[in-house]
């Protein structure tokens, strides 16, 4: 969908979209106590035949990247169990999320920069009880999560901590 030239808050459907790429996932048990899960993707996603508003002497663009879709995206988690018994598990996990640069607006040159965010977690399971503590964005990285236009860039979350308690019946 492309912005309507006369009505900037409305979108009109135009053109077609093509996406192609590759994804890879790796899940593994490195040692009996150390596990990993990792994901990686490359996405080549474009809009074709989009009616772009003409700005100045610039001609309408016939092909453009899809707004908010990075070429490169990846994450990994390492999990280590300090205690690993049949009825009790205590461990920690460290993870990283990477998002590449991406188009931020169809009617301007806004490109949202790439970012990587690190997370840390602790967990304890005993019988039917489960407790976890997740610390998102441990280095308090400031980043642009997404945007609606060049005037509405939505920041990512700052460092925060979540505690979760649950029981299985």
C-alpha atoms as a PDB file:
ATOM      1  CA  UNK A   1       0.000   0.000   0.000  1.00  0.00           C
ATOM      2  CA  UNK A   2       1.218   3.448  -0.874  1.00  0.00           C
ATOM      3  CA  UNK A   3       0.383   6.817   0.661  1.00  0.00           C
ATOM      4  CA  UNK A   4      -2.357   8.723  -1.150  1.00  0.00           C
ATOM      5  CA  UNK A   5      -0.790  11.945  -2.569  1.00  0.00           C
ATOM      6  CA  UNK A   6      -3.652  14.242  -1.488  1.00  0.00           C
ATOM      7  CA  UNK A   7      -4.553  12.465   1.775  1.00  0.00           C
ATOM      8  CA  UNK A   8      -1.374  11.581   3.734  1.00  0.00           C
ATOM      9  CA  UNK A   9      -3.276   9.611   6.400  1.00  0.00           C
ATOM     10  CA  UNK A  10      -4.859   7.185   3.920  1.00  0.00           C
ATOM     11  CA  UNK A  11      -3.236   4.407   1.925  1.00  0.00           C
ATOM     12  CA  UNK A  12      -4.243   3.193  -1.508  1.00  0.00           C
ATOM     13  CA  UNK A  13      -3.497  -0.299  -2.761  1.00  0.00           C
ATOM     14  CA  UNK A  14      -1.193  -0.168  -5.757  1.00  0.00           C
ATOM     15  CA  UNK A  15       1.301  -2.379  -7.517  1.00  0.00           C
ATOM     16  CA  UNK A  16       2.528  -5.782  -6.383  1.00  0.00           C
ATOM     17  CA  UNK A  17       4.923  -7.145  -3.789  1.00  0.00           C
ATOM     18  CA  UNK A  18       7.667  -9.748  -4.141  1.00  0.00           C
ATOM     19  CA  UNK A  19       9.520 -11.336  -1.252  1.00  0.00           C
ATOM     20  CA  UNK A  20      12.253 -13.912  -1.482  1.00  0.00           C
ATOM     21  CA  UNK A  21      15.064 -14.916   0.798  1.00  0.00           C
ATOM     22  CA  UNK A  22      16.483 -17.607   2.987  1.00  0.00           C
ATOM     23  CA  UNK A  23      15.985 -18.656   6.607  1.00  0.00           C
ATOM     24  CA  UNK A  24      18.140 -20.892   8.753  1.00  0.00           C
ATOM     25  CA  UNK A  25      17.396 -22.255  12.231  1.00  0.00           C
ATOM     26  CA  UNK A  26      19.802 -24.084  14.486  1.00  0.00           C
ATOM     27  CA  UNK A  27      18.696 -25.844  17.639  1.00  0.00           C
ATOM     28  CA  UNK A  28      21.195 -27.921  19.507  1.00  0.00           C
ATOM     29  CA  UNK A  29      22.291 -29.597  22.691  1.00  0.00           C
ATOM     30  CA  UNK A  30      25.977 -28.611  22.946  1.00  0.00           C
ATOM     31  CA  UNK A  31      26.526 -30.427  26.257  1.00  0.00           C
ATOM     32  CA  UNK A  32      23.992 -32.145  28.539  1.00  0.00           C
ATOM     33  CA  UNK A  33      23.494 -28.795  30.344  1.00  0.00           C
ATOM     34  CA  UNK A  34      24.093 -26.266  27.515  1.00  0.00           C
ATOM     35  CA  UNK A  35      21.534 -25.701  24.756  1.00  0.00           C
ATOM     36  CA  UNK A  36      21.186 -23.185  21.925  1.00  0.00           C
ATOM     37  CA  UNK A  37      18.545 -21.962  19.571  1.00  0.00           C
ATOM     38  CA  UNK A  38      19.498 -19.582  16.758  1.00  0.00           C
ATOM     39  CA  UNK A  39      17.649 -18.102  13.781  1.00  0.00           C
ATOM     40  CA  UNK A  40      18.882 -16.121  10.801  1.00  0.00           C
ATOM     41  CA  UNK A  41      17.098 -14.726   7.761  1.00  0.00           C
ATOM     42  CA  UNK A  42      17.815 -12.697   4.660  1.00  0.00           C
ATOM     43  CA  UNK A  43      14.729 -11.138   3.090  1.00  0.00           C
ATOM     44  CA  UNK A  44      14.638  -9.363  -0.262  1.00  0.00           C
ATOM     45  CA  UNK A  45      11.208  -7.727  -0.255  1.00  0.00           C
ATOM     46  CA  UNK A  46      10.076  -5.061  -2.748  1.00  0.00           C
ATOM     47  CA  UNK A  47       6.965  -3.234  -3.913  1.00  0.00           C
ATOM     48  CA  UNK A  48       6.610  -2.788  -7.683  1.00  0.00           C
ATOM     49  CA  UNK A  49       4.546  -0.262  -9.604  1.00  0.00           C
ATOM     50  CA  UNK A  50       3.798   1.785  -6.495  1.00  0.00           C
ATOM     51  CA  UNK A  51       2.306   5.190  -7.174  1.00  0.00           C
ATOM     52  CA  UNK A  52       4.633   7.409  -5.151  1.00  0.00           C
ATOM     53  CA  UNK A  53       3.868  11.090  -4.567  1.00  0.00           C
ATOM     54  CA  UNK A  54       6.211  13.321  -6.564  1.00  0.00           C
ATOM     55  CA  UNK A  55       8.426  15.460  -4.303  1.00  0.00           C
ATOM     56  CA  UNK A  56      10.117  18.375  -6.068  1.00  0.00           C
ATOM     57  CA  UNK A  57      11.632  17.317  -9.405  1.00  0.00           C
ATOM     58  CA  UNK A  58      11.866  13.637  -8.377  1.00  0.00           C
ATOM     59  CA  UNK A  59      10.072  11.123 -10.580  1.00  0.00           C
ATOM     60  CA  UNK A  60       7.754   8.491  -9.079  1.00  0.00           C
ATOM     61  CA  UNK A  61       9.595   5.344  -7.944  1.00  0.00           C
ATOM     62  CA  UNK A  62       8.555   2.144  -9.715  1.00  0.00           C
ATOM     63  CA  UNK A  63      10.309  -0.145  -7.215  1.00  0.00           C
ATOM     64  CA  UNK A  64      10.931   0.333  -3.492  1.00  0.00           C
ATOM     65  CA  UNK A  65      11.742  -1.777  -0.442  1.00  0.00           C
ATOM     66  CA  UNK A  66       8.820  -2.714   1.779  1.00  0.00           C
ATOM     67  CA  UNK A  67       8.622  -0.335   4.751  1.00  0.00           C
ATOM     68  CA  UNK A  68       9.791  -1.868   8.039  1.00  0.00           C
ATOM     69  CA  UNK A  69      11.260  -5.060   6.525  1.00  0.00           C
ATOM     70  CA  UNK A  70      15.041  -5.464   7.041  1.00  0.00           C
ATOM     71  CA  UNK A  71      17.250  -7.440   4.692  1.00  0.00           C
ATOM     72  CA  UNK A  72      19.068  -9.089   7.644  1.00  0.00           C
ATOM     73  CA  UNK A  73      17.491 -10.442  10.817  1.00  0.00           C
ATOM     74  CA  UNK A  74      18.832 -12.855  13.416  1.00  0.00           C
ATOM     75  CA  UNK A  75      18.807 -13.998  17.027  1.00  0.00           C
ATOM     76  CA  UNK A  76      20.361 -16.591  19.277  1.00  0.00           C
ATOM     77  CA  UNK A  77      19.875 -17.922  22.800  1.00  0.00           C
ATOM     78  CA  UNK A  78      22.256 -19.920  24.944  1.00  0.00           C
ATOM     79  CA  UNK A  79      20.715 -21.726  27.916  1.00  0.00           C
ATOM     80  CA  UNK A  80      22.685 -23.340  30.728  1.00  0.00           C
ATOM     81  CA  UNK A  81      21.201 -25.495  33.510  1.00  0.00           C
ATOM     82  CA  UNK A  82      23.128 -25.263  36.790  1.00  0.00           C
ATOM     83  CA  UNK A  83      20.821 -27.850  38.384  1.00  0.00           C
ATOM     84  CA  UNK A  84      19.271 -30.448  36.118  1.00  0.00           C
ATOM     85  CA  UNK A  85      17.367 -33.131  37.977  1.00  0.00           C
ATOM     86  CA  UNK A  86      14.199 -35.030  37.137  1.00  0.00           C
ATOM     87  CA  UNK A  87      11.927 -32.827  39.246  1.00  0.00           C
ATOM     88  CA  UNK A  88      13.992 -29.615  39.493  1.00  0.00           C
ATOM     89  CA  UNK A  89      15.836 -27.308  37.074  1.00  0.00           C
ATOM     90  CA  UNK A  90      17.701 -24.066  37.754  1.00  0.00           C
ATOM     91  CA  UNK A  91      19.435 -22.142  34.991  1.00  0.00           C
ATOM     92  CA  UNK A  92      20.170 -19.005  33.056  1.00  0.00           C
ATOM     93  CA  UNK A  93      19.933 -17.914  29.437  1.00  0.00           C
ATOM     94  CA  UNK A  94      21.590 -15.187  27.370  1.00  0.00           C
ATOM     95  CA  UNK A  95      20.174 -13.989  24.076  1.00  0.00           C
ATOM     96  CA  UNK A  96      20.764 -11.445  21.346  1.00  0.00           C
ATOM     97  CA  UNK A  97      18.386 -10.039  18.705  1.00  0.00           C
ATOM     98  CA  UNK A  98      19.685  -8.275  15.573  1.00  0.00           C
ATOM     99  CA  UNK A  99      17.529  -6.287  13.140  1.00  0.00           C
ATOM    100  CA  UNK A 100      19.137  -4.738  10.055  1.00  0.00           C
ATOM    101  CA  UNK A 101      18.427  -1.316   8.600  1.00  0.00           C
ATOM    102  CA  UNK A 102      15.047  -0.893   6.939  1.00  0.00           C
ATOM    103  CA  UNK A 103      12.990   1.667   5.073  1.00  0.00           C
ATOM    104  CA  UNK A 104      11.068   3.889   7.493  1.00  0.00           C
ATOM    105  CA  UNK A 105       8.797   5.870   5.175  1.00  0.00           C
ATOM    106  CA  UNK A 106       7.584   5.613   1.576  1.00  0.00           C
ATOM    107  CA  UNK A 107       7.495   9.373   0.943  1.00  0.00           C
ATOM    108  CA  UNK A 108      10.918  10.361   2.344  1.00  0.00           C
ATOM    109  CA  UNK A 109      14.491   9.085   2.583  1.00  0.00           C
ATOM    110  CA  UNK A 110      14.026   7.847   6.177  1.00  0.00           C
ATOM    111  CA  UNK A 111      15.989   4.654   6.873  1.00  0.00           C
ATOM    112  CA  UNK A 112      15.747   3.144  10.360  1.00  0.00           C
ATOM    113  CA  UNK A 113      19.221   2.060  11.524  1.00  0.00           C
ATOM    114  CA  UNK A 114      20.118  -1.500  12.458  1.00  0.00           C
ATOM    115  CA  UNK A 115      20.283  -2.515  16.105  1.00  0.00           C
ATOM    116  CA  UNK A 116      21.126  -5.408  18.378  1.00  0.00           C
ATOM    117  CA  UNK A 117      19.614  -5.979  21.809  1.00  0.00           C
ATOM    118  CA  UNK A 118      20.863  -8.383  24.488  1.00  0.00           C
ATOM    119  CA  UNK A 119      18.554 -10.153  26.946  1.00  0.00           C
ATOM    120  CA  UNK A 120      19.238 -12.196  30.085  1.00  0.00           C
ATOM    121  CA  UNK A 121      17.007 -14.687  31.830  1.00  0.00           C
ATOM    122  CA  UNK A 122      16.935 -16.867  34.928  1.00  0.00           C
ATOM    123  CA  UNK A 123      14.518 -19.747  35.471  1.00  0.00           C
ATOM    124  CA  UNK A 124      13.596 -22.280  38.118  1.00  0.00           C
ATOM    125  CA  UNK A 125      11.264 -25.260  37.723  1.00  0.00           C
ATOM    126  CA  UNK A 126      10.246 -27.505  40.592  1.00  0.00           C
ATOM    127  CA  UNK A 127       7.516 -30.046  39.988  1.00  0.00           C
ATOM    128  CA  UNK A 128       4.495 -28.194  38.639  1.00  0.00           C
ATOM    129  CA  UNK A 129       5.852 -24.736  39.640  1.00  0.00           C
ATOM    130  CA  UNK A 130       7.758 -22.488  37.260  1.00  0.00           C
ATOM    131  CA  UNK A 131       9.432 -19.136  37.964  1.00  0.00           C
ATOM    132  CA  UNK A 132      11.360 -17.001  35.509  1.00  0.00           C
ATOM    133  CA  UNK A 133      12.976 -13.593  35.525  1.00  0.00           C
ATOM    134  CA  UNK A 134      13.667 -11.979  32.133  1.00  0.00           C
ATOM    135  CA  UNK A 135      15.728  -8.819  31.763  1.00  0.00           C
ATOM    136  CA  UNK A 136      15.072  -7.341  28.306  1.00  0.00           C
ATOM    137  CA  UNK A 137      17.604  -4.980  26.713  1.00  0.00           C
ATOM    138  CA  UNK A 138      20.231  -5.321  29.453  1.00  0.00           C
ATOM    139  CA  UNK A 139      22.454  -2.590  27.967  1.00  0.00           C
ATOM    140  CA  UNK A 140      19.485  -0.198  27.621  1.00  0.00           C
ATOM    141  CA  UNK A 141      20.097   0.333  23.893  1.00  0.00           C
ATOM    142  CA  UNK A 142      17.982   3.073  22.310  1.00  0.00           C
ATOM    143  CA  UNK A 143      16.625   1.982  18.932  1.00  0.00           C
ATOM    144  CA  UNK A 144      13.801   2.630  16.495  1.00  0.00           C
ATOM    145  CA  UNK A 145      11.511  -0.403  16.540  1.00  0.00           C
ATOM    146  CA  UNK A 146       9.298   0.732  13.651  1.00  0.00           C
ATOM    147  CA  UNK A 147       7.773   3.797  12.046  1.00  0.00           C
ATOM    148  CA  UNK A 148       4.510   4.900  10.501  1.00  0.00           C
ATOM    149  CA  UNK A 149       6.091   7.838   8.648  1.00  0.00           C
ATOM    150  CA  UNK A 150       9.081  10.166   8.917  1.00  0.00           C
ATOM    151  CA  UNK A 151       7.152  12.010  11.635  1.00  0.00           C
ATOM    152  CA  UNK A 152       6.105   8.936  13.658  1.00  0.00           C
ATOM    153  CA  UNK A 153       9.104   6.802  14.603  1.00  0.00           C
ATOM    154  CA  UNK A 154       8.292   4.368  17.414  1.00  0.00           C
ATOM    155  CA  UNK A 155      11.182   3.677  19.807  1.00  0.00           C
ATOM    156  CA  UNK A 156      11.989   0.223  21.126  1.00  0.00           C
ATOM    157  CA  UNK A 157      11.580  -0.690  24.761  1.00  0.00           C
ATOM    158  CA  UNK A 158      14.233   0.356  27.219  1.00  0.00           C
ATOM    159  CA  UNK A 159      15.696  -2.129  29.676  1.00  0.00           C
ATOM    160  CA  UNK A 160      12.975  -3.757  31.757  1.00  0.00           C
ATOM    161  CA  UNK A 161      12.581  -6.757  34.015  1.00  0.00           C
ATOM    162  CA  UNK A 162       9.671  -9.232  34.028  1.00  0.00           C
ATOM    163  CA  UNK A 163       8.908 -11.825  36.678  1.00  0.00           C
ATOM    164  CA  UNK A 164       6.685 -14.750  35.778  1.00  0.00           C
ATOM    165  CA  UNK A 165       5.239 -17.348  38.158  1.00  0.00           C
ATOM    166  CA  UNK A 166       3.098 -20.214  36.924  1.00  0.00           C
ATOM    167  CA  UNK A 167       1.836 -23.662  37.841  1.00  0.00           C
ATOM    168  CA  UNK A 168       0.829 -26.588  35.641  1.00  0.00           C
ATOM    169  CA  UNK A 169      -2.142 -28.696  36.676  1.00  0.00           C
END
